[in-house]
Amino acid sequence: MLRKTSIQHKVRIWRAVAGYLSKTRSRRITVNVSRINRYTCEGDIVVVPGKVLGAGVLDHPVTVAALAFSKQAREKILTAGGKCISIQELIESNLTGSNVKIIG
């Protein structure tokens, strides 16, 4: 689906995310909440092509799209005022991929 959307709308970000997700499960990216906090500002939209883990603190609202979330990570993102969505939901709401960061 990511590659198809990338070709249809001529958007490179979805092709890059598809490349990360095509790796084996053991080689997929895992990102802690602290890394999201470090590299984002309030209101940013972030894609994690893997799993988000709950280590660290998030002190500003961020929209995070990922393949999976740990229970602690989901709680911390929601407590900070952010949103946890799937990658598919992000594609449907933002086909052009504008203002989206890949963290990995």
C-alpha atoms as a PDB file:
ATOM      1  CA  MET A   1       0.000   0.000   0.000  1.00  0.00           C
ATOM      2  CA  LEU A   2       2.837   2.429   0.849  1.00  0.00           C
ATOM      3  CA  ARG A   3       4.634   1.900  -2.461  1.00  0.00           C
ATOM      4  CA  LYS A   4       1.391   2.206  -4.417  1.00  0.00           C
ATOM      5  CA  THR A   5       0.559   5.504  -2.702  1.00  0.00           C
ATOM      6  CA  SER A   6       4.117   6.715  -3.306  1.00  0.00           C
ATOM      7  CA  ILE A   7       3.848   6.041  -7.034  1.00  0.00           C
ATOM      8  CA  GLN A   8       0.332   7.440  -7.438  1.00  0.00           C
ATOM      9  CA  HIS A   9       1.025  10.726  -5.654  1.00  0.00           C
ATOM     10  CA  LYS A  10       4.772  10.981  -6.462  1.00  0.00           C
ATOM     11  CA  VAL A  11       5.750  11.181  -2.799  1.00  0.00           C
ATOM     12  CA  ARG A  12       9.119   9.776  -1.753  1.00  0.00           C
ATOM     13  CA  ILE A  13       8.481   9.600   2.004  1.00  0.00           C
ATOM     14  CA  TRP A  14       6.047   6.678   1.717  1.00  0.00           C
ATOM     15  CA  ARG A  15       8.563   4.726  -0.388  1.00  0.00           C
ATOM     16  CA  ALA A  16      11.196   5.279   2.296  1.00  0.00           C
ATOM     17  CA  VAL A  17       8.831   4.050   5.024  1.00  0.00           C
ATOM     18  CA  ALA A  18       7.987   0.991   2.896  1.00  0.00           C
ATOM     19  CA  GLY A  19      11.695   0.235   2.599  1.00  0.00           C
ATOM     20  CA  TYR A  20      12.129   0.299   6.379  1.00  0.00           C
ATOM     21  CA  LEU A  21       9.075  -1.910   6.915  1.00  0.00           C
ATOM     22  CA  SER A  22      10.190  -4.499   4.356  1.00  0.00           C
ATOM     23  CA  LYS A  23      13.041  -5.575   6.644  1.00  0.00           C
ATOM     24  CA  THR A  24      12.696  -8.648   8.825  1.00  0.00           C
ATOM     25  CA  ARG A  25      10.973  -8.251  12.177  1.00  0.00           C
ATOM     26  CA  SER A  26      14.222  -8.522  14.137  1.00  0.00           C
ATOM     27  CA  ARG A  27      15.792  -5.682  12.094  1.00  0.00           C
ATOM     28  CA  ARG A  28      12.864  -3.253  12.335  1.00  0.00           C
ATOM     29  CA  ILE A  29      13.320   0.016  14.128  1.00  0.00           C
ATOM     30  CA  THR A  30      12.408   0.521  17.775  1.00  0.00           C
ATOM     31  CA  VAL A  31      12.224   4.062  19.110  1.00  0.00           C
ATOM     32  CA  ASN A  32      11.857   5.245  22.685  1.00  0.00           C
ATOM     33  CA  VAL A  33       9.600   8.131  23.654  1.00  0.00           C
ATOM     34  CA  SER A  34      12.705  10.072  24.748  1.00  0.00           C
ATOM     35  CA  ARG A  35      14.007  10.117  21.151  1.00  0.00           C
ATOM     36  CA  ILE A  36      10.668  11.425  19.890  1.00  0.00           C
ATOM     37  CA  ASN A  37      10.832  14.143  22.554  1.00  0.00           C
ATOM     38  CA  ARG A  38      14.387  15.079  21.572  1.00  0.00           C
ATOM     39  CA  TYR A  39      13.845  15.436  17.810  1.00  0.00           C
ATOM     40  CA  THR A  40      10.346  16.958  17.631  1.00  0.00           C
ATOM     41  CA  CYS A  41       8.581  20.186  18.471  1.00  0.00           C
ATOM     42  CA  GLU A  42       5.025  20.777  19.575  1.00  0.00           C
ATOM     43  CA  GLY A  43       2.502  19.772  16.921  1.00  0.00           C
ATOM     44  CA  ASP A  44       4.902  17.720  14.747  1.00  0.00           C
ATOM     45  CA  ILE A  45       3.777  14.617  12.883  1.00  0.00           C
ATOM     46  CA  VAL A  46       6.130  11.645  13.188  1.00  0.00           C
ATOM     47  CA  VAL A  47       6.305   8.233  11.483  1.00  0.00           C
ATOM     48  CA  VAL A  48       8.110   5.382  13.205  1.00  0.00           C
ATOM     49  CA  PRO A  49       8.526   2.420  10.823  1.00  0.00           C
ATOM     50  CA  GLY A  50       8.535  -0.052  13.688  1.00  0.00           C
ATOM     51  CA  LYS A  51       7.611  -0.043  17.361  1.00  0.00           C
ATOM     52  CA  VAL A  52       7.493   2.826  19.865  1.00  0.00           C
ATOM     53  CA  LEU A  53       8.696   1.934  23.371  1.00  0.00           C
ATOM     54  CA  GLY A  54       7.965   3.795  26.604  1.00  0.00           C
ATOM     55  CA  ALA A  55      11.409   4.725  27.954  1.00  0.00           C
ATOM     56  CA  GLY A  56      11.727   8.438  28.623  1.00  0.00           C
ATOM     57  CA  VAL A  57       9.434  11.418  28.965  1.00  0.00           C
ATOM     58  CA  LEU A  58       7.409  13.349  26.399  1.00  0.00           C
ATOM     59  CA  ASP A  59       6.703  16.959  27.357  1.00  0.00           C
ATOM     60  CA  HIS A  60       4.848  18.275  24.287  1.00  0.00           C
ATOM     61  CA  PRO A  61       1.956  17.049  22.114  1.00  0.00           C
ATOM     62  CA  VAL A  62       3.004  15.109  19.005  1.00  0.00           C
ATOM     63  CA  THR A  63       1.095  12.947  16.532  1.00  0.00           C
ATOM     64  CA  VAL A  64       2.893   9.605  16.225  1.00  0.00           C
ATOM     65  CA  ALA A  65       2.138   7.024  13.540  1.00  0.00           C
ATOM     66  CA  ALA A  66       3.784   3.639  14.026  1.00  0.00           C
ATOM     67  CA  LEU A  67       3.449  -0.031  13.281  1.00  0.00           C
ATOM     68  CA  ALA A  68       3.055  -0.805  17.011  1.00  0.00           C
ATOM     69  CA  PHE A  69       3.081   0.936  20.399  1.00  0.00           C
ATOM     70  CA  SER A  70       3.926  -0.458  23.811  1.00  0.00           C
ATOM     71  CA  LYS A  71       1.336   0.185  26.514  1.00  0.00           C
ATOM     72  CA  GLN A  72       3.600   2.671  28.340  1.00  0.00           C
ATOM     73  CA  ALA A  73       4.470   4.558  25.158  1.00  0.00           C
ATOM     74  CA  ARG A  74       0.803   4.953  24.228  1.00  0.00           C
ATOM     75  CA  GLU A  75       0.004   6.256  27.727  1.00  0.00           C
ATOM     76  CA  LYS A  76       2.881   8.768  27.697  1.00  0.00           C
ATOM     77  CA  ILE A  77       1.987  10.128  24.253  1.00  0.00           C
ATOM     78  CA  LEU A  78      -1.681  10.517  25.175  1.00  0.00           C
ATOM     79  CA  THR A  79      -0.831  12.085  28.557  1.00  0.00           C
ATOM     80  CA  ALA A  80       1.299  14.719  26.800  1.00  0.00           C
ATOM     81  CA  GLY A  81      -1.711  15.614  24.630  1.00  0.00           C
ATOM     82  CA  GLY A  82      -0.558  13.809  21.487  1.00  0.00           C
ATOM     83  CA  LYS A  83      -2.149  11.170  19.286  1.00  0.00           C
ATOM     84  CA  CYS A  84      -1.230   7.562  18.504  1.00  0.00           C
ATOM     85  CA  ILE A  85      -2.359   6.457  15.048  1.00  0.00           C
ATOM     86  CA  SER A  86      -1.491   3.716  12.591  1.00  0.00           C
ATOM     87  CA  ILE A  87       0.595   4.399   9.508  1.00  0.00           C
ATOM     88  CA  GLN A  88      -2.420   3.667   7.323  1.00  0.00           C
ATOM     89  CA  GLU A  89      -4.491   6.336   9.110  1.00  0.00           C
ATOM     90  CA  LEU A  90      -1.700   8.853   8.545  1.00  0.00           C
ATOM     91  CA  ILE A  91      -1.548   8.068   4.827  1.00  0.00           C
ATOM     92  CA  GLU A  92      -5.315   8.476   4.492  1.00  0.00           C
ATOM     93  CA  SER A  93      -5.244  11.860   6.229  1.00  0.00           C
ATOM     94  CA  ASN A  94      -2.023  13.142   4.595  1.00  0.00           C
ATOM     95  CA  LEU A  95      -1.485  11.644   1.131  1.00  0.00           C
ATOM     96  CA  THR A  96       1.253  14.098   0.185  1.00  0.00           C
ATOM     97  CA  GLY A  97       3.326  13.385   3.289  1.00  0.00           C
ATOM     98  CA  SER A  98       3.837  17.066   3.964  1.00  0.00           C
ATOM     99  CA  ASN A  99       5.319  18.027   7.354  1.00  0.00           C
ATOM    100  CA  VAL A 100       5.962  14.387   8.304  1.00  0.00           C
ATOM    101  CA  LYS A 101       9.221  13.290   9.927  1.00  0.00           C
ATOM    102  CA  ILE A 102      10.632   9.754   9.917  1.00  0.00           C
ATOM    103  CA  ILE A 103      12.284   8.881  13.215  1.00  0.00           C
ATOM    104  CA  GLY A 104      14.315   5.735  13.414  1.00  0.00           C
END
